[in-house]
Each structure stands twice: as C-alpha cells, then as structure tokens.
Amino acid sequence: RQESVFKGLLLLQEKYPVDVVLIHD
C-alpha cells in the first residue's frame, strides 16, 4: 500500500500538484 500511495503522490506532483490530498481504500 505504501508503494502504491507513493506512486500516486509522485503522479500528482508531476501532473497536478495540490494543497491537500485525501487517501482512501
């Protein structure tokens, strides 16, 4: 799960940086 969330964060940093992120199963 840790790796998956990290990849999601990296994608946002590259494509669409935000101020707040909510993470859900």
PDB file of all heavy atoms in Angstrom:
ATOM      1  N   ARG A   1       0.834  -1.194   0.000  1.00  0.00           N
ATOM      2  CA  ARG A   1       0.000   0.000   0.000  1.00  0.00           C
ATOM      3  C   ARG A   1       0.875   1.252   0.000  1.00  0.00           C
ATOM      4  O   ARG A   1       0.583   2.242  -0.682  1.00  0.00           O
ATOM      5  CB  ARG A   1      -0.922  -0.018   1.223  1.00  0.00           C
ATOM      6  CG  ARG A   1      -1.902   1.145   1.288  1.00  0.00           C
ATOM      7  CD  ARG A   1      -2.713   1.097   2.582  1.00  0.00           C
ATOM      8  NE  ARG A   1      -3.769   2.092   2.581  1.00  0.00           N
ATOM      9  CZ  ARG A   1      -3.605   3.392   2.825  1.00  0.00           C
ATOM     10  NH1 ARG A   1      -2.384   3.840   3.090  1.00  0.00           N
ATOM     11  NH2 ARG A   1      -4.626   4.226   2.810  1.00  0.00           N
ATOM     12  N   GLN A   2       1.952   1.207   0.768  1.00  0.00           N
ATOM     13  CA  GLN A   2       2.865   2.344   0.855  1.00  0.00           C
ATOM     14  C   GLN A   2       3.411   2.716  -0.521  1.00  0.00           C
ATOM     15  O   GLN A   2       3.419   3.891  -0.903  1.00  0.00           O
ATOM     16  CB  GLN A   2       4.017   1.999   1.802  1.00  0.00           C
ATOM     17  CG  GLN A   2       5.075   3.085   1.924  1.00  0.00           C
ATOM     18  CD  GLN A   2       6.235   2.671   2.822  1.00  0.00           C
ATOM     19  OE1 GLN A   2       6.100   1.731   3.601  1.00  0.00           O
ATOM     20  NE2 GLN A   2       7.357   3.347   2.708  1.00  0.00           N
ATOM     21  N   GLU A   3       3.844   1.715  -1.293  1.00  0.00           N
ATOM     22  CA  GLU A   3       4.383   1.975  -2.636  1.00  0.00           C
ATOM     23  C   GLU A   3       3.309   2.541  -3.558  1.00  0.00           C
ATOM     24  O   GLU A   3       3.581   3.434  -4.369  1.00  0.00           O
ATOM     25  CB  GLU A   3       4.951   0.692  -3.222  1.00  0.00           C
ATOM     26  CG  GLU A   3       6.197   0.181  -2.529  1.00  0.00           C
ATOM     27  CD  GLU A   3       6.692  -1.123  -3.143  1.00  0.00           C
ATOM     28  OE1 GLU A   3       6.293  -1.440  -4.279  1.00  0.00           O
ATOM     29  OE2 GLU A   3       7.450  -1.842  -2.473  1.00  0.00           O
ATOM     30  N   SER A   4       2.089   2.018  -3.429  1.00  0.00           N
ATOM     31  CA  SER A   4       1.002   2.482  -4.297  1.00  0.00           C
ATOM     32  C   SER A   4       0.670   3.945  -4.041  1.00  0.00           C
ATOM     33  O   SER A   4       0.507   4.736  -4.972  1.00  0.00           O
ATOM     34  CB  SER A   4      -0.238   1.611  -4.085  1.00  0.00           C
ATOM     35  OG  SER A   4       0.002   0.270  -4.465  1.00  0.00           O
ATOM     36  N   VAL A   5       0.561   4.313  -2.759  1.00  0.00           N
ATOM     37  CA  VAL A   5       0.268   5.711  -2.424  1.00  0.00           C
ATOM     38  C   VAL A   5       1.405   6.615  -2.889  1.00  0.00           C
ATOM     39  O   VAL A   5       1.174   7.706  -3.439  1.00  0.00           O
ATOM     40  CB  VAL A   5       0.025   5.873  -0.912  1.00  0.00           C
ATOM     41  CG1 VAL A   5      -0.098   7.349  -0.542  1.00  0.00           C
ATOM     42  CG2 VAL A   5      -1.225   5.119  -0.487  1.00  0.00           C
ATOM     43  N   PHE A   6       2.634   6.175  -2.698  1.00  0.00           N
ATOM     44  CA  PHE A   6       3.806   6.962  -3.115  1.00  0.00           C
ATOM     45  C   PHE A   6       3.755   7.242  -4.612  1.00  0.00           C
ATOM     46  O   PHE A   6       4.006   8.369  -5.066  1.00  0.00           O
ATOM     47  CB  PHE A   6       5.084   6.222  -2.736  1.00  0.00           C
ATOM     48  CG  PHE A   6       6.348   7.007  -2.945  1.00  0.00           C
ATOM     49  CD1 PHE A   6       6.361   8.399  -2.900  1.00  0.00           C
ATOM     50  CD2 PHE A   6       7.558   6.358  -3.181  1.00  0.00           C
ATOM     51  CE1 PHE A   6       7.534   9.130  -3.087  1.00  0.00           C
ATOM     52  CE2 PHE A   6       8.733   7.067  -3.374  1.00  0.00           C
ATOM     53  CZ  PHE A   6       8.716   8.458  -3.325  1.00  0.00           C
ATOM     54  N   LYS A   7       3.401   6.225  -5.401  1.00  0.00           N
ATOM     55  CA  LYS A   7       3.299   6.428  -6.848  1.00  0.00           C
ATOM     56  C   LYS A   7       2.188   7.413  -7.197  1.00  0.00           C
ATOM     57  O   LYS A   7       2.322   8.216  -8.124  1.00  0.00           O
ATOM     58  CB  LYS A   7       3.073   5.090  -7.543  1.00  0.00           C
ATOM     59  CG  LYS A   7       4.304   4.193  -7.545  1.00  0.00           C
ATOM     60  CD  LYS A   7       4.107   2.971  -8.427  1.00  0.00           C
ATOM     61  CE  LYS A   7       5.388   2.149  -8.510  1.00  0.00           C
ATOM     62  NZ  LYS A   7       5.261   1.013  -9.442  1.00  0.00           N
ATOM     63  N   GLY A   8       1.093   7.341  -6.432  1.00  0.00           N
ATOM     64  CA  GLY A   8       0.018   8.300  -6.661  1.00  0.00           C
ATOM     65  C   GLY A   8       0.441   9.721  -6.346  1.00  0.00           C
ATOM     66  O   GLY A   8       0.101  10.668  -7.070  1.00  0.00           O
ATOM     67  N   LEU A   9       1.214   9.895  -5.281  1.00  0.00           N
ATOM     68  CA  LEU A   9       1.718  11.224  -4.917  1.00  0.00           C
ATOM     69  C   LEU A   9       2.691  11.754  -5.964  1.00  0.00           C
ATOM     70  O   LEU A   9       2.649  12.946  -6.326  1.00  0.00           O
ATOM     71  CB  LEU A   9       2.408  11.153  -3.554  1.00  0.00           C
ATOM     72  CG  LEU A   9       1.507  10.833  -2.349  1.00  0.00           C
ATOM     73  CD1 LEU A   9       2.363  10.578  -1.099  1.00  0.00           C
ATOM     74  CD2 LEU A   9       0.512  11.962  -2.091  1.00  0.00           C
ATOM     75  N   LEU A  10       3.569  10.895  -6.453  1.00  0.00           N
ATOM     76  CA  LEU A  10       4.525  11.313  -7.477  1.00  0.00           C
ATOM     77  C   LEU A  10       3.815  11.725  -8.762  1.00  0.00           C
ATOM     78  O   LEU A  10       4.222  12.690  -9.436  1.00  0.00           O
ATOM     79  CB  LEU A  10       5.515  10.176  -7.764  1.00  0.00           C
ATOM     80  CG  LEU A  10       6.519   9.877  -6.643  1.00  0.00           C
ATOM     81  CD1 LEU A  10       7.331   8.629  -6.980  1.00  0.00           C
ATOM     82  CD2 LEU A  10       7.453  11.075  -6.411  1.00  0.00           C
ATOM     83  N   LEU A  11       2.741  10.992  -9.112  1.00  0.00           N
ATOM     84  CA  LEU A  11       1.982  11.355 -10.311  1.00  0.00           C
ATOM     85  C   LEU A  11       1.355  12.737 -10.145  1.00  0.00           C
ATOM     86  O   LEU A  11       1.382  13.562 -11.074  1.00  0.00           O
ATOM     87  CB  LEU A  11       0.905  10.298 -10.565  1.00  0.00           C
ATOM     88  CG  LEU A  11       0.069  10.470 -11.845  1.00  0.00           C
ATOM     89  CD1 LEU A  11      -0.346   9.118 -12.396  1.00  0.00           C
ATOM     90  CD2 LEU A  11      -1.192  11.311 -11.590  1.00  0.00           C
ATOM     91  N   LEU A  12       0.776  13.000  -8.978  1.00  0.00           N
ATOM     92  CA  LEU A  12       0.185  14.320  -8.738  1.00  0.00           C
ATOM     93  C   LEU A  12       1.240  15.419  -8.799  1.00  0.00           C
ATOM     94  O   LEU A  12       0.998  16.495  -9.353  1.00  0.00           O
ATOM     95  CB  LEU A  12      -0.516  14.345  -7.371  1.00  0.00           C
ATOM     96  CG  LEU A  12      -1.862  13.627  -7.276  1.00  0.00           C
ATOM     97  CD1 LEU A  12      -2.325  13.538  -5.832  1.00  0.00           C
ATOM     98  CD2 LEU A  12      -2.920  14.343  -8.120  1.00  0.00           C
ATOM     99  N   GLN A  13       2.412  15.166  -8.223  1.00  0.00           N
ATOM    100  CA  GLN A  13       3.489  16.156  -8.249  1.00  0.00           C
ATOM    101  C   GLN A  13       3.857  16.520  -9.687  1.00  0.00           C
ATOM    102  O   GLN A  13       4.111  17.690  -9.995  1.00  0.00           O
ATOM    103  CB  GLN A  13       4.712  15.607  -7.509  1.00  0.00           C
ATOM    104  CG  GLN A  13       5.924  16.515  -7.516  1.00  0.00           C
ATOM    105  CD  GLN A  13       5.712  17.826  -6.759  1.00  0.00           C
ATOM    106  OE1 GLN A  13       4.725  17.972  -6.027  1.00  0.00           O
ATOM    107  NE2 GLN A  13       6.617  18.778  -6.922  1.00  0.00           N
ATOM    108  N   GLU A  14       3.822  15.518 -10.543  1.00  0.00           N
ATOM    109  CA  GLU A  14       4.204  15.746 -11.953  1.00  0.00           C
ATOM    110  C   GLU A  14       3.066  16.346 -12.767  1.00  0.00           C
ATOM    111  O   GLU A  14       3.275  17.285 -13.550  1.00  0.00           O
ATOM    112  CB  GLU A  14       4.620  14.422 -12.589  1.00  0.00           C
ATOM    113  CG  GLU A  14       4.972  14.549 -14.080  1.00  0.00           C
ATOM    114  CD  GLU A  14       5.236  13.202 -14.724  1.00  0.00           C
ATOM    115  OE1 GLU A  14       5.234  12.167 -13.999  1.00  0.00           O
ATOM    116  OE2 GLU A  14       5.417  13.173 -15.954  1.00  0.00           O
ATOM    117  N   LYS A  15       1.847  15.831 -12.554  1.00  0.00           N
ATOM    118  CA  LYS A  15       0.738  16.204 -13.439  1.00  0.00           C
ATOM    119  C   LYS A  15      -0.145  17.313 -12.894  1.00  0.00           C
ATOM    120  O   LYS A  15      -0.668  18.143 -13.654  1.00  0.00           O
ATOM    121  CB  LYS A  15      -0.151  14.974 -13.694  1.00  0.00           C
ATOM    122  CG  LYS A  15       0.572  13.769 -14.295  1.00  0.00           C
ATOM    123  CD  LYS A  15       0.860  13.961 -15.766  1.00  0.00           C
ATOM    124  CE  LYS A  15       1.398  12.682 -16.386  1.00  0.00           C
ATOM    125  NZ  LYS A  15       1.679  12.826 -17.827  1.00  0.00           N
ATOM    126  N   TYR A  16      -0.360  17.313 -11.548  1.00  0.00           N
ATOM    127  CA  TYR A  16      -1.322  18.258 -10.996  1.00  0.00           C
ATOM    128  C   TYR A  16      -1.068  18.460  -9.510  1.00  0.00           C
ATOM    129  O   TYR A  16      -1.785  17.901  -8.653  1.00  0.00           O
ATOM    130  CB  TYR A  16      -2.761  17.745 -11.224  1.00  0.00           C
ATOM    131  CG  TYR A  16      -3.824  18.806 -11.123  1.00  0.00           C
ATOM    132  CD1 TYR A  16      -4.086  19.656 -12.198  1.00  0.00           C
ATOM    133  CD2 TYR A  16      -4.568  18.965  -9.957  1.00  0.00           C
ATOM    134  CE1 TYR A  16      -5.070  20.631 -12.116  1.00  0.00           C
ATOM    135  CE2 TYR A  16      -5.551  19.945  -9.859  1.00  0.00           C
ATOM    136  CZ  TYR A  16      -5.798  20.781 -10.947  1.00  0.00           C
ATOM    137  OH  TYR A  16      -6.757  21.754 -10.875  1.00  0.00           O
ATOM    138  N   PRO A  17      -0.083  19.242  -9.130  1.00  0.00           N
ATOM    139  CA  PRO A  17       0.225  19.476  -7.705  1.00  0.00           C
ATOM    140  C   PRO A  17      -0.971  20.114  -6.995  1.00  0.00           C
ATOM    141  O   PRO A  17      -1.654  20.979  -7.551  1.00  0.00           O
ATOM    142  CB  PRO A  17       1.421  20.429  -7.758  1.00  0.00           C
ATOM    143  CG  PRO A  17       2.014  20.223  -9.117  1.00  0.00           C
ATOM    144  CD  PRO A  17       0.861  19.930 -10.022  1.00  0.00           C
ATOM    145  N   VAL A  18      -1.203  19.676  -5.762  1.00  0.00           N
ATOM    146  CA  VAL A  18      -2.353  20.164  -5.000  1.00  0.00           C
ATOM    147  C   VAL A  18      -1.896  20.609  -3.617  1.00  0.00           C
ATOM    148  O   VAL A  18      -0.722  20.483  -3.251  1.00  0.00           O
ATOM    149  CB  VAL A  18      -3.436  19.071  -4.874  1.00  0.00           C
ATOM    150  CG1 VAL A  18      -4.058  18.757  -6.217  1.00  0.00           C
ATOM    151  CG2 VAL A  18      -2.870  17.806  -4.232  1.00  0.00           C
ATOM    152  N   ASP A  19      -2.840  21.127  -2.846  1.00  0.00           N
ATOM    153  CA  ASP A  19      -2.543  21.557  -1.474  1.00  0.00           C
ATOM    154  C   ASP A  19      -2.870  20.470  -0.453  1.00  0.00           C
ATOM    155  O   ASP A  19      -2.169  20.318   0.553  1.00  0.00           O
ATOM    156  CB  ASP A  19      -3.356  22.817  -1.145  1.00  0.00           C
ATOM    157  CG  ASP A  19      -3.080  23.943  -2.117  1.00  0.00           C
ATOM    158  OD1 ASP A  19      -1.897  24.334  -2.230  1.00  0.00           O
ATOM    159  OD2 ASP A  19      -4.030  24.404  -2.769  1.00  0.00           O
ATOM    160  N   VAL A  20      -3.955  19.754  -0.701  1.00  0.00           N
ATOM    161  CA  VAL A  20      -4.434  18.726   0.225  1.00  0.00           C
ATOM    162  C   VAL A  20      -4.684  17.443  -0.543  1.00  0.00           C
ATOM    163  O   VAL A  20      -5.211  17.464  -1.665  1.00  0.00           O
ATOM    164  CB  VAL A  20      -5.744  19.179   0.918  1.00  0.00           C
ATOM    165  CG1 VAL A  20      -6.338  18.044   1.749  1.00  0.00           C
ATOM    166  CG2 VAL A  20      -5.501  20.411   1.776  1.00  0.00           C
ATOM    167  N   VAL A  21      -4.318  16.314   0.064  1.00  0.00           N
ATOM    168  CA  VAL A  21      -4.609  15.019  -0.542  1.00  0.00           C
ATOM    169  C   VAL A  21      -5.329  14.145   0.471  1.00  0.00           C
ATOM    170  O   VAL A  21      -4.966  14.087   1.650  1.00  0.00           O
ATOM    171  CB  VAL A  21      -3.321  14.324  -1.045  1.00  0.00           C
ATOM    172  CG1 VAL A  21      -2.348  14.048   0.087  1.00  0.00           C
ATOM    173  CG2 VAL A  21      -3.669  13.030  -1.778  1.00  0.00           C
ATOM    174  N   LEU A  22      -6.392  13.517   0.011  1.00  0.00           N
ATOM    175  CA  LEU A  22      -7.147  12.554   0.811  1.00  0.00           C
ATOM    176  C   LEU A  22      -6.914  11.167   0.224  1.00  0.00           C
ATOM    177  O   LEU A  22      -7.023  10.984  -0.995  1.00  0.00           O
ATOM    178  CB  LEU A  22      -8.638  12.880   0.795  1.00  0.00           C
ATOM    179  CG  LEU A  22      -9.036  14.258   1.338  1.00  0.00           C
ATOM    180  CD1 LEU A  22     -10.525  14.506   1.124  1.00  0.00           C
ATOM    181  CD2 LEU A  22      -8.708  14.369   2.812  1.00  0.00           C
ATOM    182  N   ILE A  23      -6.600  10.212   1.073  1.00  0.00           N
ATOM    183  CA  ILE A  23      -6.260   8.868   0.621  1.00  0.00           C
ATOM    184  C   ILE A  23      -7.292   7.896   1.168  1.00  0.00           C
ATOM    185  O   ILE A  23      -7.560   7.869   2.378  1.00  0.00           O
ATOM    186  CB  ILE A  23      -4.851   8.472   1.087  1.00  0.00           C
ATOM    187  CG1 ILE A  23      -3.833   9.480   0.539  1.00  0.00           C
ATOM    188  CG2 ILE A  23      -4.497   7.059   0.636  1.00  0.00           C
ATOM    189  CD1 ILE A  23      -2.498   9.437   1.230  1.00  0.00           C
ATOM    190  N   HIS A  24      -7.869   7.089   0.278  1.00  0.00           N
ATOM    191  CA  HIS A  24      -8.972   6.210   0.678  1.00  0.00           C
ATOM    192  C   HIS A  24      -8.808   4.829   0.059  1.00  0.00           C
ATOM    193  O   HIS A  24      -8.332   4.687  -1.068  1.00  0.00           O
ATOM    194  CB  HIS A  24     -10.305   6.815   0.230  1.00  0.00           C
ATOM    195  CG  HIS A  24     -11.510   6.078   0.721  1.00  0.00           C
ATOM    196  ND1 HIS A  24     -11.747   5.831   2.054  1.00  0.00           N
ATOM    197  CD2 HIS A  24     -12.566   5.528   0.049  1.00  0.00           C
ATOM    198  CE1 HIS A  24     -12.890   5.174   2.190  1.00  0.00           C
ATOM    199  NE2 HIS A  24     -13.400   4.962   0.978  1.00  0.00           N
ATOM    200  N   ASP A  25      -9.224   3.804   0.808  1.00  0.00           N
ATOM    201  CA  ASP A  25      -9.217   2.434   0.299  1.00  0.00           C
ATOM    202  C   ASP A  25     -10.359   2.258  -0.700  1.00  0.00           C
ATOM    203  O   ASP A  25     -11.522   2.534  -0.388  1.00  0.00           O
ATOM    204  CB  ASP A  25      -9.411   1.427   1.438  1.00  0.00           C
ATOM    205  CG  ASP A  25      -8.285   1.474   2.461  1.00  0.00           C
ATOM    206  OD1 ASP A  25      -7.141   1.725   2.053  1.00  0.00           O
ATOM    207  OD2 ASP A  25      -8.560   1.253   3.660  1.00  0.00           O
TER     208      ASP A  25
END
